[in-house]
Amino acid sequence: MIFTDDRELLPALAAVADVPFHYAEDAADFEPFPEFLSAEETTEWLRAWTGNGEVDGDDFRVFGQDGTGGYAAIWLTRPDRPLADQPVVFLGSEGETGVVATDLAGFLWLLADGLGPREAVESPGQRPRTDGELTAIAERFAPGSRRSASAVIDAAAREFPDFEDIITALCR
């Protein structure tokens, strides 16, 4: 699968990176990056995470992490579709995996509803605290895609039920 997108952070993710995330029990534990990890950093991380020295990170654009070091990434799985139309995934520091949104628009609404990528995988039923700044970003970049965090998570699980198996197959 070949994608022509470079590693320039999408404007919506750049806007998210400008929002300060403060640790609180009822807030998203998320640290967005100001740019995607490089191809080399992504491959190095994925090889360490999977224990597989033969994999590369070409199918992922890592753009943030949680406080434990788990990564949020765009998963390039839809050929001939732009980055914004690819699913957003979480690969946790302790082996947690999941597709958290079917696309960037869904991810923006997930954040606006108060959940980060880790919470979407580990605690999808938690009662989120909405965020005004992130809601404004979602309204700006995904105005016709408004959904609750639970609707975003449910749609991702329905569309990509085999993501965990795909990732597990990469592990050694």
Protein backbone atom coordinates (compact mmCIF):
# COMPACT_ATOMS: atom_id res chain seq x y z
CA MET A 1 0.00 0.00 0.00
CA ILE A 2 1.55 3.30 -1.05
CA PHE A 3 0.50 6.68 0.32
CA THR A 4 1.76 9.94 -1.04
CA ASP A 5 1.03 11.96 2.09
CA ASP A 6 4.12 13.34 3.72
CA ARG A 7 4.59 13.72 7.45
CA GLU A 8 3.35 17.28 7.75
CA LEU A 9 0.92 17.50 10.66
CA LEU A 10 -2.65 18.07 9.53
CA PRO A 11 -4.03 21.52 10.44
CA ALA A 12 -6.66 20.01 12.77
CA LEU A 13 -3.98 18.09 14.69
CA ALA A 14 -1.78 21.20 14.82
CA ALA A 15 -4.72 23.05 16.39
CA VAL A 16 -5.15 20.23 18.94
CA ALA A 17 -1.40 20.40 19.71
CA ASP A 18 -1.86 24.05 20.67
CA VAL A 19 -4.42 23.17 23.37
CA PRO A 20 -2.96 22.55 26.82
CA PHE A 21 -4.04 19.21 28.26
CA HIS A 22 -3.96 19.25 32.06
CA TYR A 23 -3.99 16.07 34.07
CA ALA A 24 -7.22 15.52 35.95
CA GLU A 25 -9.10 12.37 36.83
CA ASP A 26 -12.03 13.33 34.62
CA ALA A 27 -10.02 14.69 31.69
CA ALA A 28 -8.27 13.13 28.70
CA ASP A 29 -4.74 11.92 29.42
CA PHE A 30 -3.25 13.04 26.13
CA GLU A 31 -0.10 14.83 25.04
CA PRO A 32 -0.31 15.84 21.36
CA PHE A 33 2.94 16.27 19.44
CA PRO A 34 3.68 19.41 17.41
CA GLU A 35 4.62 17.14 14.48
CA PHE A 36 4.38 13.51 13.43
CA LEU A 37 7.19 11.26 14.59
CA SER A 38 9.70 10.73 11.81
CA ALA A 39 9.63 7.53 9.75
CA GLU A 40 12.76 6.35 11.55
CA GLU A 41 11.35 7.05 15.03
CA THR A 42 8.07 5.35 14.12
CA THR A 43 9.83 2.23 12.82
CA GLU A 44 12.13 2.09 15.85
CA TRP A 45 9.15 2.39 18.21
CA LEU A 46 7.02 -0.20 16.35
CA ARG A 47 9.89 -2.70 16.30
CA ALA A 48 10.40 -2.27 20.04
CA TRP A 49 6.66 -2.39 20.75
CA THR A 50 6.09 -5.58 18.69
CA GLY A 51 9.45 -7.23 19.33
CA ASN A 52 9.61 -7.70 15.57
CA GLY A 53 12.74 -6.36 13.90
CA GLU A 54 11.25 -6.88 10.45
CA VAL A 55 8.28 -4.48 10.67
CA ASP A 56 8.43 -0.87 9.64
CA GLY A 57 6.27 2.02 10.71
CA ASP A 58 5.12 3.06 7.25
CA ASP A 59 1.45 2.37 8.06
CA PHE A 60 1.38 4.77 11.04
CA ARG A 61 1.64 8.50 11.59
CA VAL A 62 2.21 8.94 15.33
CA PHE A 63 0.92 12.27 16.63
CA GLY A 64 0.62 12.01 20.41
CA GLN A 65 0.91 9.95 23.55
CA ASP A 66 -0.70 9.41 26.89
CA GLY A 67 1.07 9.78 30.24
CA THR A 68 2.22 6.16 30.25
CA GLY A 69 3.87 6.41 26.83
CA GLY A 70 1.17 4.79 24.71
CA TYR A 71 0.94 6.28 21.22
CA ALA A 72 -1.95 7.72 19.22
CA ALA A 73 -1.52 7.36 15.48
CA ILE A 74 -3.26 7.60 12.18
CA TRP A 75 -3.34 4.09 10.71
CA LEU A 76 -2.89 4.10 6.94
CA THR A 77 -5.20 1.27 5.97
CA ARG A 78 -7.49 2.83 3.35
CA PRO A 79 -5.64 2.99 0.01
CA ASP A 80 -5.99 6.16 -2.03
CA ARG A 81 -7.62 8.07 0.83
CA PRO A 82 -6.11 11.15 2.51
CA LEU A 83 -4.76 11.10 6.05
CA ALA A 84 -7.88 12.75 7.45
CA ASP A 85 -9.97 9.80 6.19
CA GLN A 86 -7.82 7.14 7.86
CA PRO A 87 -8.67 5.63 11.28
CA VAL A 88 -7.07 6.82 14.50
CA VAL A 89 -5.60 4.09 16.72
CA PHE A 90 -4.05 3.71 20.14
CA LEU A 91 -1.15 1.39 20.95
CA GLY A 92 -0.62 1.44 24.70
CA SER A 93 2.55 1.04 26.68
CA GLU A 94 1.23 -2.21 28.20
CA GLY A 95 0.01 -3.75 24.94
CA GLU A 96 -3.46 -2.18 24.80
CA THR A 97 -4.69 -1.65 21.25
CA GLY A 98 -7.74 -0.26 19.61
CA VAL A 99 -9.18 1.84 16.85
CA VAL A 100 -10.58 4.88 18.62
CA ALA A 101 -12.14 6.69 15.63
CA THR A 102 -12.86 5.83 12.00
CA ASP A 103 -11.34 9.13 10.86
CA LEU A 104 -9.89 12.41 12.05
CA ALA A 105 -13.32 14.06 12.32
CA GLY A 106 -14.46 11.38 14.74
CA PHE A 107 -11.25 11.74 16.73
CA LEU A 108 -11.80 15.49 17.07
CA TRP A 109 -15.31 14.89 18.45
CA LEU A 110 -13.96 12.20 20.79
CA LEU A 111 -11.55 14.77 22.24
CA ALA A 112 -14.27 17.42 22.39
CA ASP A 113 -16.41 15.00 24.39
CA GLY A 114 -13.58 14.64 26.92
CA LEU A 115 -11.95 11.33 26.03
CA GLY A 116 -8.43 10.75 24.78
CA PRO A 117 -7.20 7.75 22.82
CA ARG A 118 -6.25 5.71 25.93
CA GLU A 119 -9.61 6.32 27.58
CA ALA A 120 -11.39 5.30 24.38
CA VAL A 121 -9.63 1.92 24.51
CA GLU A 122 -9.46 1.30 28.27
CA SER A 123 -12.52 3.11 29.66
CA PRO A 124 -14.94 3.83 26.81
CA GLY A 125 -17.90 4.03 29.20
CA GLN A 126 -16.39 6.62 31.51
CA ARG A 127 -18.29 9.85 31.92
CA PRO A 128 -16.22 12.42 30.03
CA ARG A 129 -15.82 16.10 30.76
CA THR A 130 -16.33 18.12 27.60
CA ASP A 131 -13.73 20.67 26.61
CA GLY A 132 -14.67 24.04 25.11
CA GLU A 133 -11.40 24.60 23.23
CA LEU A 134 -11.48 21.13 21.70
CA THR A 135 -15.16 21.51 20.85
CA ALA A 136 -14.32 24.71 18.97
CA ILE A 137 -11.61 22.83 17.03
CA ALA A 138 -14.03 20.01 16.18
CA GLU A 139 -16.66 22.53 15.07
CA ARG A 140 -14.06 24.28 12.89
CA PHE A 141 -12.54 21.20 11.23
CA ALA A 142 -15.42 18.68 11.34
CA PRO A 143 -18.64 20.70 11.56
CA GLY A 144 -20.89 18.12 9.91
CA SER A 145 -19.52 15.13 11.83
CA ARG A 146 -20.62 15.83 15.40
CA ARG A 147 -21.05 12.61 17.43
CA SER A 148 -20.73 11.61 21.04
CA ALA A 149 -17.59 9.83 22.21
CA SER A 150 -19.54 6.58 22.58
CA ALA A 151 -20.87 6.84 19.01
CA VAL A 152 -17.33 7.46 17.70
CA ILE A 153 -15.93 4.47 19.63
CA ASP A 154 -18.80 2.17 18.61
CA ALA A 155 -18.42 3.06 14.91
CA ALA A 156 -14.67 2.37 15.07
CA ALA A 157 -15.21 -1.01 16.75
CA ARG A 158 -17.79 -2.01 14.15
CA GLU A 159 -15.66 -1.01 11.18
CA PHE A 160 -12.34 -2.39 12.43
CA PRO A 161 -13.11 -5.41 14.65
CA ASP A 162 -9.88 -7.18 13.67
CA PHE A 163 -7.36 -4.42 14.47
CA GLU A 164 -6.10 -6.15 17.61
CA ASP A 165 -5.57 -9.39 15.67
CA ILE A 166 -3.69 -7.50 12.93
CA ILE A 167 -1.37 -5.94 15.50
CA THR A 168 -0.97 -9.18 17.46
CA ALA A 169 0.13 -10.91 14.24
CA LEU A 170 3.01 -8.41 14.01
CA CYS A 171 4.27 -9.27 17.52
CA ARG A 172 7.00 -11.77 18.20
